């Protein structure tokens, strides 16, 4: 099936065989927006945040591949820095994300800390004041621990900090800057789930934990499409539609607010002289707070039967 894109927005197509003559197909289209006060307009730059077939590294961390059939929820991805109020250094602050005025996630942001020796064994040093803190996986719990001369990665976040296998190794070494305020680290060997608002690895156990079911032989017997989502579980919502609002506090003043525009994208599939159109739905919302930009990923997924010699096309149209 050929993809014909009638819009200026970059798109990619996913295709996979189901059986001899049945295929799964979806198209993802990403639109980038500029935000000026209460004004949201389509950006001239539609290239920087285009959908990708492979994971890509960005200045905010990485973005997972968009080459999936579909995701089971809407990702809210927030990229940028926590910023202290009034540009005055603070040792601690919080960042909150809300969807339609309902808080979906709250994270605690600490200045740099380390484990110290104490009469009780170990203690957490006083956080250093900071003005800005990058909200990426490097500052969340995780990292590489030393074990008998080898580096052992924390499975859910190998690039983070705070993961230690022995008490001796933690002394004078850092704790994460980003934590779940309802599950703060108290002991050197605590191993909480990493917390954050950015993209997480698709193969992280955060996604497979409740979305993949195995039988007694270890074979996959059930796979929830949420396995293919890219956001932290707390940053997924069931549905996002035009007019919805996403608000963020703790990333600058005044608080960041984005109202979902109505882009009216349609996927049209033609097979010989037959065709059908479907409105593409929102699958991801990416908020680039420091740049006052946003992107929205739209998708539609179908299954279809292949008929020999049939001419098949998929078109992306903006109504």
Protein backbone atom coordinates (compact mmCIF):
# COMPACT_ATOMS: atom_id res chain seq x y z
CA UNK A 1 0.00 0.00 0.00
CA UNK A 2 1.40 3.38 -1.03
CA UNK A 3 1.30 6.38 1.32
CA UNK A 4 0.39 9.74 -0.23
CA UNK A 5 0.66 12.71 2.12
CA UNK A 6 -1.29 15.77 0.98
CA UNK A 7 -0.29 17.76 4.08
CA UNK A 8 2.93 19.56 5.11
CA UNK A 9 3.08 17.36 8.21
CA UNK A 10 5.57 14.44 8.30
CA UNK A 11 4.06 10.96 8.41
CA UNK A 12 5.16 7.34 8.62
CA UNK A 13 3.34 4.10 7.82
CA UNK A 14 3.42 0.88 9.83
CA UNK A 15 2.60 -2.42 8.09
CA UNK A 16 2.71 -6.01 9.31
CA UNK A 17 1.36 -9.31 8.07
CA UNK A 18 -1.28 -11.05 10.19
CA UNK A 19 -1.73 -14.14 8.03
CA UNK A 20 -1.45 -15.08 4.36
CA UNK A 21 -3.68 -12.33 3.00
CA UNK A 22 -4.47 -10.11 5.98
CA UNK A 23 -2.38 -7.10 6.97
CA UNK A 24 -2.32 -4.56 9.80
CA UNK A 25 -1.60 -0.97 8.80
CA UNK A 26 -1.49 2.39 10.54
CA UNK A 27 -0.27 5.87 9.76
CA UNK A 28 1.16 8.35 12.26
CA UNK A 29 1.27 12.06 11.45
CA UNK A 30 2.91 14.66 13.70
CA UNK A 31 2.08 18.36 13.76
CA UNK A 32 4.31 20.90 15.52
CA UNK A 33 2.85 24.11 16.96
CA UNK A 34 4.25 27.43 18.17
CA UNK A 35 2.73 28.92 21.33
CA UNK A 36 2.65 32.69 21.92
CA UNK A 37 0.62 33.58 24.98
CA UNK A 38 -2.87 32.28 24.29
CA UNK A 39 -2.17 31.95 20.56
CA UNK A 40 -1.36 28.55 19.05
CA UNK A 41 -0.34 28.32 15.42
CA UNK A 42 1.13 25.65 13.16
CA UNK A 43 4.91 25.98 13.16
CA UNK A 44 6.94 26.57 10.01
CA UNK A 45 9.36 23.92 11.31
CA UNK A 46 7.69 20.54 10.88
CA UNK A 47 10.98 18.66 10.53
CA UNK A 48 12.62 18.74 13.98
CA UNK A 49 10.01 16.61 15.74
CA UNK A 50 8.91 14.43 12.83
CA UNK A 51 7.85 10.83 13.63
CA UNK A 52 10.69 8.33 13.57
CA UNK A 53 11.14 4.66 12.67
CA UNK A 54 13.83 4.30 15.35
CA UNK A 55 14.34 5.84 18.80
CA UNK A 56 16.07 9.22 18.50
CA UNK A 57 18.21 11.24 20.88
CA UNK A 58 17.14 14.84 21.48
CA UNK A 59 18.49 17.60 23.70
CA UNK A 60 15.82 16.65 26.23
CA UNK A 61 16.67 12.95 26.25
CA UNK A 62 15.38 10.39 23.78
CA UNK A 63 12.07 9.78 22.04
CA UNK A 64 10.83 6.26 21.39
CA UNK A 65 10.11 4.98 17.89
CA UNK A 66 6.74 5.79 16.34
CA UNK A 67 6.86 2.61 14.28
CA UNK A 68 4.05 0.82 16.12
CA UNK A 69 0.62 -0.35 15.05
CA UNK A 70 -1.11 1.64 17.77
CA UNK A 71 -0.75 2.69 21.38
CA UNK A 72 -3.30 1.86 24.04
CA UNK A 73 -3.55 5.33 25.62
CA UNK A 74 -2.56 8.93 24.91
CA UNK A 75 0.98 9.87 25.93
CA UNK A 76 1.53 13.26 27.57
CA UNK A 77 5.25 13.95 27.15
CA UNK A 78 6.74 16.99 28.91
CA UNK A 79 10.25 18.19 28.06
CA UNK A 80 12.23 21.02 29.62
CA UNK A 81 13.38 22.20 33.03
CA UNK A 82 11.83 22.65 36.43
CA UNK A 83 12.31 26.32 37.31
CA UNK A 84 12.45 27.84 40.78
CA UNK A 85 9.84 30.55 41.46
CA UNK A 86 11.06 34.11 40.92
CA UNK A 87 14.36 32.74 39.64
CA UNK A 88 15.47 32.35 43.27
CA UNK A 89 17.43 29.18 44.21
CA UNK A 90 15.44 26.54 46.11
CA UNK A 91 16.46 23.15 47.54
CA UNK A 92 13.09 21.57 46.71
CA UNK A 93 10.06 22.20 44.54
CA UNK A 94 7.34 20.28 42.73
CA UNK A 95 6.09 20.03 39.15
CA UNK A 96 2.45 19.19 38.45
CA UNK A 97 0.74 18.22 35.20
CA UNK A 98 -3.03 18.46 34.77
CA UNK A 99 -5.40 17.36 32.02
CA UNK A 100 -8.69 19.26 31.88
CA UNK A 101 -7.93 20.69 35.35
CA UNK A 102 -7.48 17.21 36.86
CA UNK A 103 -3.98 16.54 38.15
CA UNK A 104 -2.50 13.45 36.53
CA UNK A 105 1.05 13.60 37.89
CA UNK A 106 3.12 15.33 40.57
CA UNK A 107 6.87 14.96 40.93
CA UNK A 108 9.30 16.13 43.60
CA UNK A 109 12.44 17.98 42.46
CA UNK A 110 15.48 18.09 44.76
CA UNK A 111 18.77 19.91 44.42
CA UNK A 112 21.88 17.75 44.24
CA UNK A 113 22.23 15.39 47.21
CA UNK A 114 24.51 12.56 48.22
CA UNK A 115 24.65 9.75 50.73
CA UNK A 116 26.74 10.49 53.82
CA UNK A 117 27.94 8.41 56.75
CA UNK A 118 26.01 8.89 59.99
CA UNK A 119 25.69 7.31 63.39
CA UNK A 120 22.76 5.36 61.94
CA UNK A 121 24.82 4.13 58.98
CA UNK A 122 23.80 6.45 56.13
CA UNK A 123 22.00 9.76 55.79
CA UNK A 124 20.90 12.00 52.94
CA UNK A 125 22.72 15.31 52.67
CA UNK A 126 20.86 18.62 52.55
CA UNK A 127 19.80 19.38 48.97
CA UNK A 128 21.79 22.10 47.25
CA UNK A 129 19.72 25.08 46.08
CA UNK A 130 19.08 25.21 42.33
CA UNK A 131 17.35 27.48 39.84
CA UNK A 132 16.71 24.98 37.03
CA UNK A 133 16.65 21.19 36.92
CA UNK A 134 16.37 19.19 33.66
CA UNK A 135 13.37 16.86 33.75
CA UNK A 136 15.04 13.91 32.04
CA UNK A 137 15.82 10.29 32.87
CA UNK A 138 19.40 11.17 33.88
CA UNK A 139 18.00 12.86 36.99
CA UNK A 140 15.52 10.09 37.88
CA UNK A 141 16.28 7.00 39.96
CA UNK A 142 18.42 4.38 38.26
CA UNK A 143 21.91 4.20 36.86
CA UNK A 144 24.70 1.64 36.84
CA UNK A 145 25.80 -0.06 40.07
CA UNK A 146 29.22 -1.61 40.71
CA UNK A 147 29.29 -5.33 41.47
CA UNK A 148 32.51 -7.31 41.57
CA UNK A 149 34.12 -5.08 38.96
CA UNK A 150 31.13 -5.13 36.63
CA UNK A 151 28.56 -2.43 35.90
CA UNK A 152 24.99 -3.61 36.59
CA UNK A 153 22.22 -1.44 35.05
CA UNK A 154 19.01 -0.65 36.85
CA UNK A 155 16.52 -2.27 34.43
CA UNK A 156 13.92 0.49 34.37
CA UNK A 157 16.41 3.34 33.89
CA UNK A 158 20.08 2.57 33.21
CA UNK A 159 20.92 6.26 32.69
CA UNK A 160 19.65 7.54 36.06
CA UNK A 161 21.32 7.96 39.43
CA UNK A 162 20.96 6.52 42.95
CA UNK A 163 21.14 2.76 42.29
CA UNK A 164 23.66 0.96 44.54
CA UNK A 165 24.23 -2.68 45.41
CA UNK A 166 26.34 -2.12 48.54
CA UNK A 167 26.20 0.45 51.32
CA UNK A 168 29.89 1.26 50.87
CA UNK A 169 29.35 2.23 47.23
CA UNK A 170 26.64 4.75 48.01
CA UNK A 171 28.75 6.95 50.34
CA UNK A 172 29.50 10.34 48.75
CA UNK A 173 27.55 9.33 45.67
CA UNK A 174 24.36 10.98 44.38
CA UNK A 175 20.65 10.40 44.85
CA UNK A 176 18.15 11.20 42.09
CA UNK A 177 16.88 14.75 41.68
CA UNK A 178 13.42 13.61 40.60
CA UNK A 179 11.26 11.43 42.86
CA UNK A 180 7.68 10.44 43.47
CA UNK A 181 6.62 12.60 46.46
CA UNK A 182 4.46 9.72 47.70
CA UNK A 183 7.36 7.26 47.65
CA UNK A 184 10.51 9.15 48.62
CA UNK A 185 13.82 7.36 49.07
CA UNK A 186 14.65 6.80 52.73
CA UNK A 187 17.25 4.02 52.75
CA UNK A 188 20.33 3.56 50.56
CA UNK A 189 18.95 0.29 49.15
CA UNK A 190 15.48 1.58 48.29
CA UNK A 191 14.73 0.91 44.63
CA UNK A 192 11.64 2.90 43.63
CA UNK A 193 10.26 3.18 40.15
CA UNK A 194 11.82 6.14 38.35
CA UNK A 195 9.54 9.18 38.36
CA UNK A 196 9.20 11.81 35.68
CA UNK A 197 7.22 13.43 32.91
CA UNK A 198 9.34 12.65 29.82
CA UNK A 199 9.65 9.63 27.54
CA UNK A 200 10.47 6.18 28.95
CA UNK A 201 11.97 3.16 27.15
CA UNK A 202 9.30 0.98 25.56
CA UNK A 203 10.99 -2.15 26.92
CA UNK A 204 11.00 -0.79 30.46
CA UNK A 205 9.25 -3.01 32.97
CA UNK A 206 7.07 0.02 33.73
CA UNK A 207 5.23 -0.81 30.49
CA UNK A 208 5.31 -4.59 30.60
CA UNK A 209 4.35 -4.92 34.27
CA UNK A 210 0.60 -4.74 33.81
CA UNK A 211 0.35 -4.91 30.03
CA UNK A 212 1.90 -8.29 29.19
CA UNK A 213 0.61 -11.64 30.44
CA UNK A 214 2.63 -14.85 30.15
CA UNK A 215 1.63 -18.49 30.42
CA UNK A 216 3.43 -21.09 32.53
CA UNK A 217 5.96 -21.68 29.75
CA UNK A 218 6.84 -17.98 29.61
CA UNK A 219 5.05 -17.35 26.32
CA UNK A 220 3.15 -14.12 25.76
CA UNK A 221 -0.59 -14.85 25.77
CA UNK A 222 -1.93 -11.30 26.12
CA UNK A 223 -0.46 -7.95 25.09
CA UNK A 224 -2.21 -4.70 25.96
CA UNK A 225 -1.46 -1.93 23.42
CA UNK A 226 -0.35 0.25 26.36
CA UNK A 227 2.87 -1.76 26.18
CA UNK A 228 3.74 0.42 23.18
CA UNK A 229 3.17 3.73 24.95
CA UNK A 230 6.15 5.97 25.61
CA UNK A 231 5.09 8.06 28.61
CA UNK A 232 5.37 7.28 32.30
CA UNK A 233 2.21 5.39 33.36
CA UNK A 234 1.01 8.42 35.34
CA UNK A 235 1.35 10.54 32.19
CA UNK A 236 -1.07 8.48 30.10
CA UNK A 237 -4.72 9.43 29.68
CA UNK A 238 -7.52 7.54 28.00
CA UNK A 239 -8.43 10.21 25.45
CA UNK A 240 -7.46 13.70 24.31
CA UNK A 241 -9.73 15.71 22.01
CA UNK A 242 -9.70 19.25 20.56
CA UNK A 243 -10.48 21.82 23.23
CA UNK A 244 -8.89 19.82 26.06
CA UNK A 245 -6.37 21.69 28.20
CA UNK A 246 -3.03 20.58 29.60
CA UNK A 247 -1.54 22.74 32.35
CA UNK A 248 1.89 22.53 33.95
CA UNK A 249 3.12 24.30 37.08
CA UNK A 250 6.73 24.41 38.23
CA UNK A 251 8.30 24.96 34.81
CA UNK A 252 8.24 28.74 34.75
CA UNK A 253 5.96 31.64 35.51
CA UNK A 254 3.21 32.00 34.64
CA UNK A 255 2.26 28.34 34.48
CA UNK A 256 2.35 26.66 31.07
CA UNK A 257 -1.02 26.02 29.45
CA UNK A 258 -1.85 24.36 26.13
CA UNK A 259 -5.30 23.97 24.64
CA UNK A 260 -5.54 21.18 22.07
CA UNK A 261 -6.29 22.66 18.62
CA UNK A 262 -8.54 21.03 16.04
CA UNK A 263 -6.33 19.94 13.15
CA UNK A 264 -8.93 17.86 11.26
CA UNK A 265 -6.66 15.21 9.76
CA UNK A 266 -8.20 12.34 7.82
CA UNK A 267 -6.79 9.02 6.59
CA UNK A 268 -8.31 7.89 3.28
CA UNK A 269 -7.73 4.32 2.12
CA UNK A 270 -8.53 3.37 -1.49
CA UNK A 271 -8.65 -0.13 -2.91
CA UNK A 272 -9.28 0.03 -6.65
CA UNK A 273 -12.42 2.14 -6.92
CA UNK A 274 -13.53 1.66 -3.31
CA UNK A 275 -12.40 4.05 -0.59
CA UNK A 276 -13.15 4.98 3.00
CA UNK A 277 -12.12 7.88 5.24
CA UNK A 278 -11.44 7.93 8.99
CA UNK A 279 -10.65 10.94 11.22
CA UNK A 280 -7.22 10.48 12.77
CA UNK A 281 -7.17 10.48 16.57
CA UNK A 282 -4.66 12.00 18.98
CA UNK A 283 -2.11 9.50 20.26
CA UNK A 284 0.57 11.75 21.77
CA UNK A 285 0.93 15.29 23.02
CA UNK A 286 4.48 16.55 23.41
CA UNK A 287 5.05 19.80 25.30
CA UNK A 288 8.37 21.61 24.80
CA UNK A 289 7.86 24.08 27.60
CA UNK A 290 11.14 26.05 27.42
CA UNK A 291 10.69 26.56 23.67
CA UNK A 292 6.97 27.38 23.89
CA UNK A 293 6.27 24.65 21.36
CA UNK A 294 4.14 21.53 21.24
CA UNK A 295 3.63 18.58 18.95
CA UNK A 296 0.67 16.28 18.51
CA UNK A 297 0.88 12.80 17.01
CA UNK A 298 -2.23 11.64 15.16
CA UNK A 299 -2.85 8.04 14.09
CA UNK A 300 -5.38 5.70 12.60
CA UNK A 301 -5.00 1.92 12.43
CA UNK A 302 -6.85 -0.66 10.31
CA UNK A 303 -6.68 -4.28 9.18
CA UNK A 304 -7.28 -5.14 5.53
CA UNK A 305 -7.44 -8.11 3.17
CA UNK A 306 -4.99 -8.20 0.27
CA UNK A 307 -6.49 -8.99 -3.15
CA UNK A 308 -3.99 -9.80 -5.94
CA UNK A 309 -3.52 -7.04 -8.55
CA UNK A 310 -5.52 -4.58 -6.45
CA UNK A 311 -4.31 -0.96 -6.39
CA UNK A 312 -4.11 0.20 -2.77
CA UNK A 313 -3.30 3.71 -1.55
CA UNK A 314 -3.45 5.52 1.77
CA UNK A 315 -3.79 9.30 1.72
CA UNK A 316 -3.40 11.83 4.54
CA UNK A 317 -5.71 14.81 4.05
CA UNK A 318 -6.30 17.97 6.07
CA UNK A 319 -9.96 18.92 5.93
